[in-house]
Amino acid sequence: MVKRRPRPLLLAGALLLATGCAQAVRTAPPPPIDVGWEETGDASWYGHPYHGRRTASGEVYDMSQMTAAHRTLPFGTRVLVENRLDGRTAEVRITDRGPFVDDRILDLSAAAARALGGIGPGVIPVRVRVVALAGAPPPRAVPGDFAVQVGAFTSEERAGALRLRLASAWPGAYVERADVAGQTLWRVRVGRFATRGEAVDAAERLAAAGWAPVVIGE
C-alpha cells in the first residue's frame, strides 16, 4: 500500500497551530524587585547534609547563619519573613536557590527556621517582604549596639507575653518597636552589650535554656 504524503496546506496549518500554542504559553518577565515587594506561601528549611557545601551564590552554607534560598530574588537581598501562624518574624539574606517543590517559596537555614518556630513543623506558612536590595550595606554596629533577640512579632501582645516569660531569668528583657519597610515589628531582646563576644555568651546561655536566640548588631 502506498502512503500518501501530507498536503502542503495541512502541514502549514499544523505549523501555524503549533506556533500559536507556543506563543500562548509565553509569560512576561517578572516585575523588578524593590523594597516592600511581598510574596506569600510556604517555607521549609534545610540543614545537614548541606552544611559546609557551596550554595548557588558561591558562599559556603552555614546553617547557623540567618540565610535562605529563593528561586528568583537576587543574591544578597534581605527579606523579612513572617510566620503567618503566630506573627513571629526573622530577617534573612538570600544566598541560595530553591526550594524545588511547587508549593514552597522559601528554604530557610536551620537558624532562621528555629527563630521562626519552623524546625518542628518542617513547613510553615510565611509572608516574605524585601527590606533591603542586594548590595545595600547592613546597618553599622557601634559599641553598646549588640543585643540578643529572642523573638520578633507583628503583634505587640505576643511580644509582651514572651518578655514576661523571660523576665524571671532575664529581668533586663525588653520589647523594642521597629518599622521595617512599612511593617511595624515588636522585637523581644535581652541586654545591650559592648562587644559581640558578650552577646554570644548571653545567647549561648539562652540557647541552653531552650530559647532560640539571635545575636543582633554585627
N, C-alpha and C. Protein backbone atom coordinates (compact mmCIF):
# COMPACT_ATOMS: atom_id res chain seq x y z
N MET A 1 0.85 -1.19 0.00
CA MET A 1 0.00 0.00 0.00
C MET A 1 0.89 1.26 0.00
N VAL A 2 0.62 2.21 -0.82
CA VAL A 2 1.41 3.43 -0.94
C VAL A 2 0.85 4.49 0.01
N LYS A 3 1.72 5.01 0.83
CA LYS A 3 1.29 6.06 1.76
C LYS A 3 1.27 7.40 1.06
N ARG A 4 0.23 8.16 1.34
CA ARG A 4 0.11 9.49 0.75
C ARG A 4 0.90 10.50 1.58
N ARG A 5 1.54 11.40 0.88
CA ARG A 5 2.23 12.48 1.58
C ARG A 5 1.23 13.52 2.08
N PRO A 6 1.47 14.11 3.24
CA PRO A 6 0.55 15.16 3.73
C PRO A 6 0.52 16.32 2.76
N ARG A 7 -0.62 16.87 2.59
CA ARG A 7 -0.75 18.02 1.72
C ARG A 7 -0.04 19.24 2.31
N PRO A 8 0.57 20.08 1.48
CA PRO A 8 1.25 21.27 1.99
C PRO A 8 0.34 22.16 2.82
N LEU A 9 -0.94 22.26 2.44
CA LEU A 9 -1.86 23.11 3.16
C LEU A 9 -2.07 22.61 4.59
N LEU A 10 -2.18 21.27 4.73
CA LEU A 10 -2.37 20.70 6.05
C LEU A 10 -1.13 20.90 6.91
N LEU A 11 0.06 20.75 6.30
CA LEU A 11 1.29 20.96 7.05
C LEU A 11 1.41 22.40 7.52
N ALA A 12 1.05 23.33 6.65
CA ALA A 12 1.11 24.75 7.01
C ALA A 12 0.17 25.05 8.16
N GLY A 13 -1.03 24.46 8.12
CA GLY A 13 -2.00 24.67 9.19
C GLY A 13 -1.51 24.12 10.52
N ALA A 14 -0.89 22.92 10.45
CA ALA A 14 -0.39 22.32 11.68
C ALA A 14 0.73 23.16 12.29
N LEU A 15 1.63 23.68 11.42
CA LEU A 15 2.71 24.52 11.91
C LEU A 15 2.18 25.81 12.53
N LEU A 16 1.16 26.39 11.91
CA LEU A 16 0.57 27.62 12.43
C LEU A 16 -0.06 27.39 13.79
N LEU A 17 -0.75 26.22 13.92
CA LEU A 17 -1.37 25.89 15.19
C LEU A 17 -0.32 25.69 16.28
N ALA A 18 0.77 25.00 15.93
CA ALA A 18 1.82 24.76 16.91
C ALA A 18 2.47 26.07 17.34
N THR A 19 2.68 26.97 16.36
CA THR A 19 3.27 28.26 16.68
C THR A 19 2.37 29.06 17.60
N GLY A 20 1.06 29.01 17.32
CA GLY A 20 0.10 29.72 18.16
C GLY A 20 0.11 29.21 19.58
N CYS A 21 0.22 27.89 19.78
CA CYS A 21 0.25 27.31 21.12
C CYS A 21 1.52 27.75 21.84
N ALA A 22 2.65 27.76 21.11
CA ALA A 22 3.90 28.15 21.74
C ALA A 22 3.83 29.59 22.21
N GLN A 23 3.22 30.45 21.41
CA GLN A 23 3.10 31.84 21.81
C GLN A 23 2.18 31.99 23.01
N ALA A 24 1.18 31.13 23.10
CA ALA A 24 0.19 31.26 24.16
C ALA A 24 0.77 30.99 25.53
N VAL A 25 1.83 30.12 25.60
CA VAL A 25 2.36 29.76 26.91
C VAL A 25 3.51 30.67 27.34
N ARG A 26 3.91 31.61 26.49
CA ARG A 26 4.96 32.53 26.88
C ARG A 26 4.46 33.45 27.99
N THR A 27 5.35 33.75 28.94
CA THR A 27 4.97 34.62 30.05
C THR A 27 5.86 35.85 30.04
N ALA A 28 5.33 36.93 30.58
CA ALA A 28 6.09 38.18 30.65
C ALA A 28 7.18 38.05 31.70
N PRO A 29 8.29 38.77 31.54
CA PRO A 29 9.35 38.72 32.55
C PRO A 29 8.84 39.23 33.89
N PRO A 30 9.38 38.71 35.01
CA PRO A 30 8.90 39.14 36.32
C PRO A 30 9.15 40.62 36.54
N PRO A 31 8.28 41.30 37.29
CA PRO A 31 8.47 42.73 37.55
C PRO A 31 9.73 42.96 38.36
N PRO A 32 10.34 44.14 38.27
CA PRO A 32 11.54 44.42 39.05
C PRO A 32 11.25 44.38 40.55
N ILE A 33 12.21 43.90 41.30
CA ILE A 33 12.06 43.80 42.75
C ILE A 33 12.48 45.11 43.39
N ASP A 34 11.69 45.57 44.35
CA ASP A 34 12.02 46.79 45.08
C ASP A 34 11.70 46.57 46.55
N VAL A 35 12.18 47.45 47.40
CA VAL A 35 11.88 47.35 48.83
C VAL A 35 10.37 47.43 49.01
N GLY A 36 9.83 46.50 49.81
CA GLY A 36 8.40 46.43 50.02
C GLY A 36 7.72 45.34 49.22
N TRP A 37 8.43 44.76 48.24
CA TRP A 37 7.86 43.66 47.45
C TRP A 37 7.52 42.50 48.38
N GLU A 38 6.36 41.89 48.18
CA GLU A 38 5.90 40.81 49.06
C GLU A 38 5.50 39.56 48.30
N GLU A 39 5.55 38.46 49.01
CA GLU A 39 5.12 37.17 48.47
C GLU A 39 4.67 36.30 49.64
N THR A 40 3.62 35.52 49.44
CA THR A 40 3.16 34.61 50.49
C THR A 40 3.17 33.18 49.97
N GLY A 41 3.38 32.26 50.87
CA GLY A 41 3.42 30.84 50.50
C GLY A 41 3.95 30.04 51.67
N ASP A 42 4.53 28.89 51.40
CA ASP A 42 5.07 28.03 52.44
C ASP A 42 6.59 28.05 52.42
N ALA A 43 7.19 27.91 53.59
CA ALA A 43 8.64 27.85 53.72
C ALA A 43 9.04 26.56 54.42
N SER A 44 10.08 25.94 53.90
CA SER A 44 10.69 24.78 54.54
C SER A 44 12.08 25.19 55.04
N TRP A 45 12.88 24.24 55.49
CA TRP A 45 14.23 24.57 55.94
C TRP A 45 15.18 23.44 55.61
N TYR A 46 16.48 23.76 55.58
CA TYR A 46 17.48 22.73 55.30
C TYR A 46 18.71 22.91 56.19
N GLY A 47 19.29 21.81 56.59
CA GLY A 47 20.47 21.82 57.45
C GLY A 47 21.50 20.83 56.94
N HIS A 48 21.74 19.75 57.70
CA HIS A 48 22.59 18.68 57.20
C HIS A 48 21.84 17.95 56.09
N PRO A 49 22.51 17.42 55.06
CA PRO A 49 23.97 17.38 54.84
C PRO A 49 24.50 18.56 54.04
N TYR A 50 23.72 19.65 53.93
CA TYR A 50 24.14 20.80 53.11
C TYR A 50 25.13 21.70 53.83
N HIS A 51 25.21 21.60 55.15
CA HIS A 51 26.12 22.45 55.92
C HIS A 51 27.55 22.27 55.43
N GLY A 52 28.20 23.40 55.11
CA GLY A 52 29.58 23.35 54.63
C GLY A 52 29.72 23.25 53.12
N ARG A 53 28.62 23.08 52.41
CA ARG A 53 28.68 22.99 50.96
C ARG A 53 28.51 24.37 50.33
N ARG A 54 28.92 24.50 49.08
CA ARG A 54 28.75 25.74 48.34
C ARG A 54 27.29 25.92 47.96
N THR A 55 26.80 27.14 48.13
CA THR A 55 25.44 27.46 47.69
C THR A 55 25.49 27.94 46.24
N ALA A 56 24.34 28.23 45.67
CA ALA A 56 24.28 28.71 44.29
C ALA A 56 24.97 30.06 44.13
N SER A 57 25.08 30.83 45.21
CA SER A 57 25.74 32.14 45.13
C SER A 57 27.26 32.02 45.22
N GLY A 58 27.74 30.83 45.58
CA GLY A 58 29.17 30.63 45.76
C GLY A 58 29.59 30.67 47.22
N GLU A 59 28.72 31.17 48.09
CA GLU A 59 29.03 31.18 49.51
C GLU A 59 28.92 29.77 50.08
N VAL A 60 29.66 29.53 51.15
CA VAL A 60 29.55 28.25 51.86
C VAL A 60 28.34 28.32 52.79
N TYR A 61 27.48 27.31 52.70
CA TYR A 61 26.28 27.30 53.53
C TYR A 61 26.64 27.02 54.98
N ASP A 62 26.20 27.91 55.86
CA ASP A 62 26.37 27.76 57.31
C ASP A 62 24.99 27.78 57.93
N MET A 63 24.54 26.63 58.41
CA MET A 63 23.17 26.53 58.90
C MET A 63 22.92 27.33 60.17
N SER A 64 23.98 27.90 60.78
CA SER A 64 23.81 28.73 61.97
C SER A 64 23.62 30.20 61.63
N GLN A 65 23.71 30.55 60.34
CA GLN A 65 23.53 31.93 59.91
C GLN A 65 22.09 32.16 59.44
N MET A 66 21.68 33.43 59.45
CA MET A 66 20.30 33.78 59.07
C MET A 66 20.24 33.99 57.56
N THR A 67 20.08 32.91 56.83
CA THR A 67 20.05 32.96 55.37
C THR A 67 18.87 32.14 54.85
N ALA A 68 18.66 32.19 53.53
CA ALA A 68 17.57 31.43 52.93
C ALA A 68 17.83 31.26 51.43
N ALA A 69 17.09 30.33 50.84
CA ALA A 69 17.12 30.10 49.40
C ALA A 69 15.79 30.53 48.81
N HIS A 70 15.86 31.22 47.67
CA HIS A 70 14.68 31.65 46.93
C HIS A 70 14.94 31.39 45.45
N ARG A 71 13.89 31.17 44.69
CA ARG A 71 14.08 30.80 43.29
C ARG A 71 14.58 31.94 42.42
N THR A 72 14.15 33.18 42.70
CA THR A 72 14.46 34.27 41.78
C THR A 72 15.05 35.53 42.40
N LEU A 73 14.87 35.77 43.69
CA LEU A 73 15.39 37.00 44.29
C LEU A 73 16.90 37.07 44.14
N PRO A 74 17.45 38.24 43.83
CA PRO A 74 18.91 38.37 43.67
C PRO A 74 19.64 37.99 44.95
N PHE A 75 20.80 37.36 44.78
CA PHE A 75 21.62 37.03 45.94
C PHE A 75 22.00 38.31 46.68
N GLY A 76 21.95 38.25 48.00
CA GLY A 76 22.25 39.41 48.82
C GLY A 76 21.03 40.20 49.24
N THR A 77 19.88 39.93 48.61
CA THR A 77 18.64 40.60 49.02
C THR A 77 18.29 40.20 50.44
N ARG A 78 17.91 41.17 51.26
CA ARG A 78 17.50 40.88 52.64
C ARG A 78 15.98 40.93 52.72
N VAL A 79 15.39 39.90 53.30
CA VAL A 79 13.93 39.82 53.37
C VAL A 79 13.49 39.58 54.81
N LEU A 80 12.34 40.13 55.13
CA LEU A 80 11.70 39.88 56.42
C LEU A 80 10.71 38.75 56.22
N VAL A 81 10.85 37.69 56.99
CA VAL A 81 9.99 36.52 56.88
C VAL A 81 9.08 36.47 58.10
N GLU A 82 7.79 36.42 57.87
CA GLU A 82 6.81 36.36 58.96
C GLU A 82 6.12 35.01 58.96
N ASN A 83 6.13 34.35 60.11
CA ASN A 83 5.36 33.13 60.30
C ASN A 83 3.89 33.55 60.44
N ARG A 84 3.07 33.21 59.47
CA ARG A 84 1.68 33.67 59.48
C ARG A 84 0.82 32.99 60.53
N LEU A 85 1.35 31.97 61.20
CA LEU A 85 0.59 31.30 62.25
C LEU A 85 0.62 32.07 63.56
N ASP A 86 1.77 32.71 63.85
CA ASP A 86 1.88 33.39 65.14
C ASP A 86 2.47 34.80 65.06
N GLY A 87 2.78 35.29 63.86
CA GLY A 87 3.31 36.63 63.71
C GLY A 87 4.79 36.77 64.02
N ARG A 88 5.47 35.66 64.31
CA ARG A 88 6.90 35.72 64.60
C ARG A 88 7.66 36.08 63.32
N THR A 89 8.72 36.87 63.43
CA THR A 89 9.45 37.31 62.24
C THR A 89 10.95 37.08 62.38
N ALA A 90 11.63 37.05 61.25
CA ALA A 90 13.09 36.96 61.21
C ALA A 90 13.56 37.57 59.91
N GLU A 91 14.70 38.24 59.96
CA GLU A 91 15.29 38.82 58.75
C GLU A 91 16.39 37.91 58.25
N VAL A 92 16.36 37.58 56.96
CA VAL A 92 17.35 36.68 56.39
C VAL A 92 17.92 37.26 55.10
N ARG A 93 19.06 36.72 54.68
CA ARG A 93 19.70 37.14 53.45
C ARG A 93 19.64 36.00 52.44
N ILE A 94 19.31 36.31 51.20
CA ILE A 94 19.19 35.28 50.16
C ILE A 94 20.58 34.92 49.64
N THR A 95 20.95 33.64 49.78
CA THR A 95 22.27 33.19 49.36
C THR A 95 22.22 31.95 48.47
N ASP A 96 21.02 31.39 48.25
CA ASP A 96 20.93 30.11 47.55
C ASP A 96 19.68 30.08 46.69
N ARG A 97 19.56 29.05 45.86
CA ARG A 97 18.39 28.85 45.02
C ARG A 97 17.57 27.66 45.53
N GLY A 98 16.27 27.79 45.42
CA GLY A 98 15.35 26.78 45.90
C GLY A 98 14.15 27.48 46.54
N PRO A 99 13.24 26.74 47.14
CA PRO A 99 13.14 25.28 47.15
C PRO A 99 12.56 24.78 45.83
N PHE A 100 12.80 23.52 45.53
CA PHE A 100 12.36 22.95 44.27
C PHE A 100 11.13 22.06 44.47
N VAL A 101 10.20 22.57 45.27
CA VAL A 101 8.90 21.94 45.50
C VAL A 101 7.85 22.98 45.13
N ASP A 102 6.87 22.61 44.32
CA ASP A 102 5.96 23.57 43.70
C ASP A 102 5.27 24.50 44.68
N ASP A 103 4.85 24.01 45.84
CA ASP A 103 4.03 24.84 46.72
C ASP A 103 4.85 25.56 47.78
N ARG A 104 6.17 25.64 47.63
CA ARG A 104 7.00 26.33 48.60
C ARG A 104 7.75 27.48 47.93
N ILE A 105 7.94 28.57 48.69
CA ILE A 105 8.57 29.76 48.10
C ILE A 105 9.92 30.06 48.73
N LEU A 106 10.25 29.43 49.87
CA LEU A 106 11.48 29.76 50.58
C LEU A 106 12.02 28.53 51.29
N ASP A 107 13.35 28.41 51.29
CA ASP A 107 14.03 27.37 52.05
C ASP A 107 14.92 28.08 53.08
N LEU A 108 14.56 27.98 54.33
CA LEU A 108 15.26 28.69 55.40
C LEU A 108 16.46 27.92 55.90
N SER A 109 17.47 28.64 56.38
CA SER A 109 18.54 27.98 57.10
C SER A 109 17.99 27.44 58.42
N ALA A 110 18.74 26.54 59.05
CA ALA A 110 18.28 25.97 60.31
C ALA A 110 18.11 27.07 61.38
N ALA A 111 19.03 28.05 61.41
CA ALA A 111 18.93 29.12 62.39
C ALA A 111 17.68 29.96 62.17
N ALA A 112 17.38 30.29 60.91
CA ALA A 112 16.20 31.09 60.61
C ALA A 112 14.92 30.31 60.93
N ALA A 113 14.91 29.03 60.61
CA ALA A 113 13.74 28.21 60.92
C ALA A 113 13.51 28.12 62.42
N ARG A 114 14.59 28.02 63.18
CA ARG A 114 14.46 27.96 64.64
C ARG A 114 13.88 29.27 65.18
N ALA A 115 14.36 30.40 64.65
CA ALA A 115 13.85 31.70 65.11
C ALA A 115 12.38 31.88 64.79
N LEU A 116 11.93 31.24 63.72
CA LEU A 116 10.53 31.37 63.29
C LEU A 116 9.62 30.27 63.83
N GLY A 117 10.19 29.32 64.56
CA GLY A 117 9.40 28.21 65.07
C GLY A 117 9.06 27.18 64.02
N GLY A 118 9.94 27.03 63.03
CA GLY A 118 9.65 26.12 61.92
C GLY A 118 10.38 24.80 61.96
N ILE A 119 11.24 24.61 62.95
CA ILE A 119 12.03 23.36 63.00
C ILE A 119 11.12 22.15 63.17
N GLY A 120 10.23 22.20 64.16
CA GLY A 120 9.35 21.06 64.42
C GLY A 120 8.38 20.77 63.30
N PRO A 121 7.59 21.76 62.87
CA PRO A 121 6.62 21.51 61.79
C PRO A 121 7.28 21.15 60.47
N GLY A 122 8.46 21.71 60.20
CA GLY A 122 9.13 21.44 58.93
C GLY A 122 8.73 22.39 57.83
N VAL A 123 7.44 22.68 57.73
CA VAL A 123 6.92 23.61 56.73
C VAL A 123 5.94 24.55 57.42
N ILE A 124 6.11 25.86 57.21
CA ILE A 124 5.21 26.84 57.83
C ILE A 124 4.75 27.85 56.78
N PRO A 125 3.54 28.40 56.95
CA PRO A 125 3.08 29.46 56.03
C PRO A 125 3.76 30.78 56.37
N VAL A 126 4.27 31.46 55.36
CA VAL A 126 5.03 32.68 55.61
C VAL A 126 4.62 33.80 54.67
N ARG A 127 4.96 35.01 55.09
CA ARG A 127 4.91 36.19 54.23
C ARG A 127 6.34 36.71 54.12
N VAL A 128 6.79 36.95 52.89
CA VAL A 128 8.15 37.42 52.65
C VAL A 128 8.07 38.86 52.14
N ARG A 129 8.85 39.75 52.75
CA ARG A 129 8.88 41.15 52.32
C ARG A 129 10.33 41.59 52.16
N VAL A 130 10.65 42.17 51.00
CA VAL A 130 12.00 42.67 50.76
C VAL A 130 12.22 43.93 51.60
N VAL A 131 13.30 43.93 52.41
CA VAL A 131 13.61 45.09 53.25
C VAL A 131 14.90 45.78 52.83
N ALA A 132 15.74 45.13 52.03
CA ALA A 132 16.97 45.75 51.53
C ALA A 132 17.38 45.05 50.25
N LEU A 133 17.75 45.82 49.25
CA LEU A 133 18.15 45.25 47.97
C LEU A 133 19.58 44.73 48.04
N ALA A 134 19.90 43.85 47.11
CA ALA A 134 21.24 43.30 47.05
C ALA A 134 22.26 44.42 46.90
N GLY A 135 23.32 44.35 47.68
CA GLY A 135 24.36 45.37 47.62
C GLY A 135 24.20 46.48 48.63
N ALA A 136 23.02 46.59 49.24
CA ALA A 136 22.81 47.63 50.25
C ALA A 136 23.60 47.27 51.50
N PRO A 137 24.36 48.21 52.08
CA PRO A 137 25.18 47.88 53.26
C PRO A 137 24.29 47.61 54.46
N PRO A 138 24.65 46.63 55.30
CA PRO A 138 23.88 46.38 56.52
C PRO A 138 24.10 47.50 57.52
N PRO A 139 23.19 47.67 58.47
CA PRO A 139 23.37 48.71 59.49
C PRO A 139 24.69 48.53 60.24
N ARG A 140 25.41 49.60 60.45
CA ARG A 140 26.69 49.52 61.12
C ARG A 140 26.49 49.45 62.63
N ALA A 141 27.27 48.58 63.25
CA ALA A 141 27.19 48.44 64.70
C ALA A 141 28.14 49.43 65.38
N VAL A 142 27.73 49.91 66.54
CA VAL A 142 28.58 50.79 67.34
C VAL A 142 28.69 50.17 68.72
N PRO A 143 29.72 50.53 69.52
CA PRO A 143 29.84 49.96 70.86
C PRO A 143 28.55 50.12 71.66
N GLY A 144 28.14 49.03 72.28
CA GLY A 144 26.90 49.05 73.04
C GLY A 144 25.68 48.72 72.20
N ASP A 145 25.91 48.44 70.91
CA ASP A 145 24.79 48.22 70.00
C ASP A 145 24.44 46.75 69.84
N PHE A 146 25.18 45.86 70.49
CA PHE A 146 24.89 44.43 70.38
C PHE A 146 23.80 44.02 71.36
N ALA A 147 22.95 43.12 70.91
CA ALA A 147 21.87 42.60 71.75
C ALA A 147 21.59 41.16 71.33
N VAL A 148 20.78 40.48 72.12
CA VAL A 148 20.35 39.13 71.77
C VAL A 148 18.84 39.17 71.60
N GLN A 149 18.41 38.82 70.41
CA GLN A 149 16.98 38.82 70.12
C GLN A 149 16.42 37.41 70.31
N VAL A 150 15.37 37.33 71.10
CA VAL A 150 14.76 36.03 71.40
C VAL A 150 13.49 35.83 70.57
N GLY A 151 12.95 36.89 70.05
CA GLY A 151 11.76 36.78 69.21
C GLY A 151 11.41 38.13 68.61
N ALA A 152 10.68 38.11 67.51
CA ALA A 152 10.18 39.34 66.89
C ALA A 152 8.82 39.02 66.31
N PHE A 153 7.85 39.92 66.54
CA PHE A 153 6.47 39.64 66.19
C PHE A 153 5.83 40.84 65.50
N THR A 154 4.77 40.56 64.76
CA THR A 154 3.95 41.64 64.23
C THR A 154 2.86 42.02 65.24
N SER A 155 2.78 41.28 66.34
CA SER A 155 1.80 41.53 67.39
C SER A 155 2.50 42.01 68.66
N GLU A 156 2.14 43.20 69.16
CA GLU A 156 2.72 43.71 70.40
C GLU A 156 2.33 42.82 71.59
N GLU A 157 1.12 42.28 71.54
CA GLU A 157 0.66 41.43 72.64
C GLU A 157 1.51 40.17 72.76
N ARG A 158 1.83 39.53 71.65
CA ARG A 158 2.66 38.32 71.68
C ARG A 158 4.07 38.64 72.16
N ALA A 159 4.58 39.78 71.72
CA ALA A 159 5.92 40.18 72.16
C ALA A 159 5.94 40.41 73.67
N GLY A 160 4.91 41.06 74.20
CA GLY A 160 4.83 41.29 75.64
C GLY A 160 4.73 40.00 76.43
N ALA A 161 4.00 39.03 75.90
CA ALA A 161 3.88 37.74 76.58
C ALA A 161 5.23 37.03 76.64
N LEU A 162 6.01 37.12 75.57
CA LEU A 162 7.32 36.49 75.57
C LEU A 162 8.26 37.18 76.57
N ARG A 163 8.19 38.50 76.64
CA ARG A 163 9.04 39.22 77.59
C ARG A 163 8.73 38.80 79.03
N LEU A 164 7.46 38.60 79.33
CA LEU A 164 7.08 38.17 80.68
C LEU A 164 7.62 36.78 80.98
N ARG A 165 7.62 35.90 79.98
CA ARG A 165 8.15 34.54 80.18
C ARG A 165 9.66 34.58 80.45
N LEU A 166 10.34 35.56 79.85
CA LEU A 166 11.78 35.68 80.04
C LEU A 166 12.15 36.37 81.35
N ALA A 167 11.22 37.16 81.89
CA ALA A 167 11.53 38.10 82.96
C ALA A 167 12.15 37.46 84.20
N SER A 168 11.74 36.25 84.56
CA SER A 168 12.25 35.64 85.80
C SER A 168 13.75 35.38 85.73
N ALA A 169 14.22 34.89 84.61
CA ALA A 169 15.64 34.59 84.46
C ALA A 169 16.42 35.74 83.84
N TRP A 170 15.72 36.58 83.07
CA TRP A 170 16.36 37.70 82.38
C TRP A 170 15.56 38.97 82.66
N PRO A 171 15.73 39.56 83.85
CA PRO A 171 14.93 40.74 84.21
C PRO A 171 15.15 41.93 83.30
N GLY A 172 16.25 41.95 82.55
CA GLY A 172 16.51 43.07 81.66
C GLY A 172 15.88 42.92 80.28
N ALA A 173 15.08 41.89 80.09
CA ALA A 173 14.44 41.68 78.79
C ALA A 173 13.51 42.86 78.48
N TYR A 174 13.46 43.26 77.23
CA TYR A 174 12.64 44.41 76.86
C TYR A 174 12.05 44.21 75.47
N VAL A 175 11.02 44.98 75.17
CA VAL A 175 10.37 44.96 73.86
C VAL A 175 10.73 46.26 73.14
N GLU A 176 11.16 46.13 71.92
CA GLU A 176 11.58 47.29 71.14
C GLU A 176 10.76 47.33 69.85
N ARG A 177 10.16 48.49 69.59
CA ARG A 177 9.38 48.66 68.36
C ARG A 177 10.30 49.06 67.21
N ALA A 178 10.02 48.52 66.02
CA ALA A 178 10.81 48.87 64.83
C ALA A 178 9.89 48.90 63.63
N ASP A 179 10.14 49.83 62.74
CA ASP A 179 9.41 49.92 61.47
C ASP A 179 10.36 49.50 60.36
N VAL A 180 10.04 48.40 59.71
CA VAL A 180 10.90 47.84 58.68
C VAL A 180 10.14 47.77 57.37
N ALA A 181 10.55 48.59 56.40
CA ALA A 181 9.93 48.59 55.07
C ALA A 181 8.41 48.69 55.16
N GLY A 182 7.93 49.56 56.05
CA GLY A 182 6.49 49.77 56.18
C GLY A 182 5.78 48.79 57.09
N GLN A 183 6.53 47.87 57.71
CA GLN A 183 5.95 46.87 58.61
C GLN A 183 6.38 47.17 60.04
N THR A 184 5.43 47.27 60.97
CA THR A 184 5.75 47.50 62.37
C THR A 184 6.01 46.17 63.05
N LEU A 185 7.18 46.08 63.71
CA LEU A 185 7.58 44.86 64.40
C LEU A 185 7.81 45.16 65.88
N TRP A 186 7.65 44.12 66.68
CA TRP A 186 7.90 44.22 68.12
C TRP A 186 8.94 43.16 68.46
N ARG A 187 10.16 43.64 68.76
CA ARG A 187 11.30 42.75 68.97
C ARG A 187 11.55 42.55 70.46
N VAL A 188 11.70 41.30 70.84
CA VAL A 188 11.97 40.96 72.24
C VAL A 188 13.46 40.69 72.36
N ARG A 189 14.15 41.52 73.14
CA ARG A 189 15.60 41.43 73.22
C ARG A 189 16.09 41.39 74.66
N VAL A 190 17.31 40.89 74.78
CA VAL A 190 17.96 40.81 76.09
C VAL A 190 19.29 41.54 76.00
N GLY A 191 19.51 42.50 76.91
CA GLY A 191 20.81 43.14 77.05
C GLY A 191 21.18 44.13 75.97
N ARG A 192 22.15 44.98 76.33
CA ARG A 192 22.85 45.87 75.40
C ARG A 192 24.33 45.70 75.70
N PHE A 193 25.02 45.03 74.80
CA PHE A 193 26.39 44.61 75.07
C PHE A 193 27.39 45.44 74.29
N ALA A 194 28.56 45.66 74.91
CA ALA A 194 29.60 46.46 74.28
C ALA A 194 30.32 45.69 73.17
N THR A 195 30.38 44.36 73.29
CA THR A 195 31.08 43.55 72.29
C THR A 195 30.21 42.39 71.84
N ARG A 196 30.54 41.89 70.67
CA ARG A 196 29.80 40.75 70.16
C ARG A 196 30.04 39.51 71.02
N GLY A 197 31.24 39.38 71.57
CA GLY A 197 31.56 38.23 72.41
C GLY A 197 30.65 38.13 73.63
N GLU A 198 30.37 39.28 74.25
CA GLU A 198 29.47 39.29 75.40
C GLU A 198 28.06 38.87 74.99
N ALA A 199 27.64 39.34 73.82
CA ALA A 199 26.31 38.97 73.32
C ALA A 199 26.24 37.48 73.01
N VAL A 200 27.31 36.93 72.45
CA VAL A 200 27.35 35.50 72.14
C VAL A 200 27.25 34.67 73.42
N ASP A 201 27.95 35.09 74.46
CA ASP A 201 27.88 34.36 75.75
C ASP A 201 26.44 34.32 76.27
N ALA A 202 25.75 35.47 76.18
CA ALA A 202 24.36 35.51 76.63
C ALA A 202 23.48 34.63 75.75
N ALA A 203 23.73 34.65 74.45
CA ALA A 203 22.95 33.83 73.53
C ALA A 203 23.13 32.34 73.82
N GLU A 204 24.34 31.95 74.18
CA GLU A 204 24.60 30.53 74.49
C GLU A 204 23.84 30.11 75.74
N ARG A 205 23.77 30.99 76.72
CA ARG A 205 23.01 30.66 77.93
C ARG A 205 21.51 30.55 77.63
N LEU A 206 21.02 31.44 76.78
CA LEU A 206 19.61 31.38 76.39
C LEU A 206 19.31 30.10 75.60
N ALA A 207 20.21 29.74 74.70
CA ALA A 207 20.01 28.53 73.90
C ALA A 207 20.01 27.29 74.79
N ALA A 208 20.88 27.27 75.80
CA ALA A 208 20.93 26.14 76.72
C ALA A 208 19.64 26.00 77.51
N ALA A 209 18.92 27.13 77.69
CA ALA A 209 17.65 27.11 78.41
C ALA A 209 16.47 26.81 77.50
N GLY A 210 16.75 26.58 76.22
CA GLY A 210 15.68 26.19 75.30
C GLY A 210 15.13 27.29 74.42
N TRP A 211 15.70 28.51 74.47
CA TRP A 211 15.24 29.58 73.63
C TRP A 211 15.94 29.53 72.28
N ALA A 212 15.50 30.38 71.35
CA ALA A 212 16.09 30.43 70.01
C ALA A 212 16.66 31.82 69.79
N PRO A 213 17.83 32.13 70.40
CA PRO A 213 18.37 33.49 70.35
C PRO A 213 19.12 33.78 69.04
N VAL A 214 19.16 35.06 68.70
CA VAL A 214 19.93 35.53 67.56
C VAL A 214 20.70 36.78 67.99
N VAL A 215 22.01 36.79 67.78
CA VAL A 215 22.81 37.96 68.13
C VAL A 215 22.56 39.04 67.07
N ILE A 216 22.25 40.24 67.54
CA ILE A 216 21.93 41.37 66.67
C ILE A 216 23.01 42.44 66.81
N GLY A 217 23.39 43.02 65.67
CA GLY A 217 24.30 44.15 65.73
C GLY A 217 25.59 43.95 64.99
N GLU A 218 25.83 42.76 64.39
CA GLU A 218 27.08 42.53 63.67
C GLU A 218 26.99 43.08 62.27
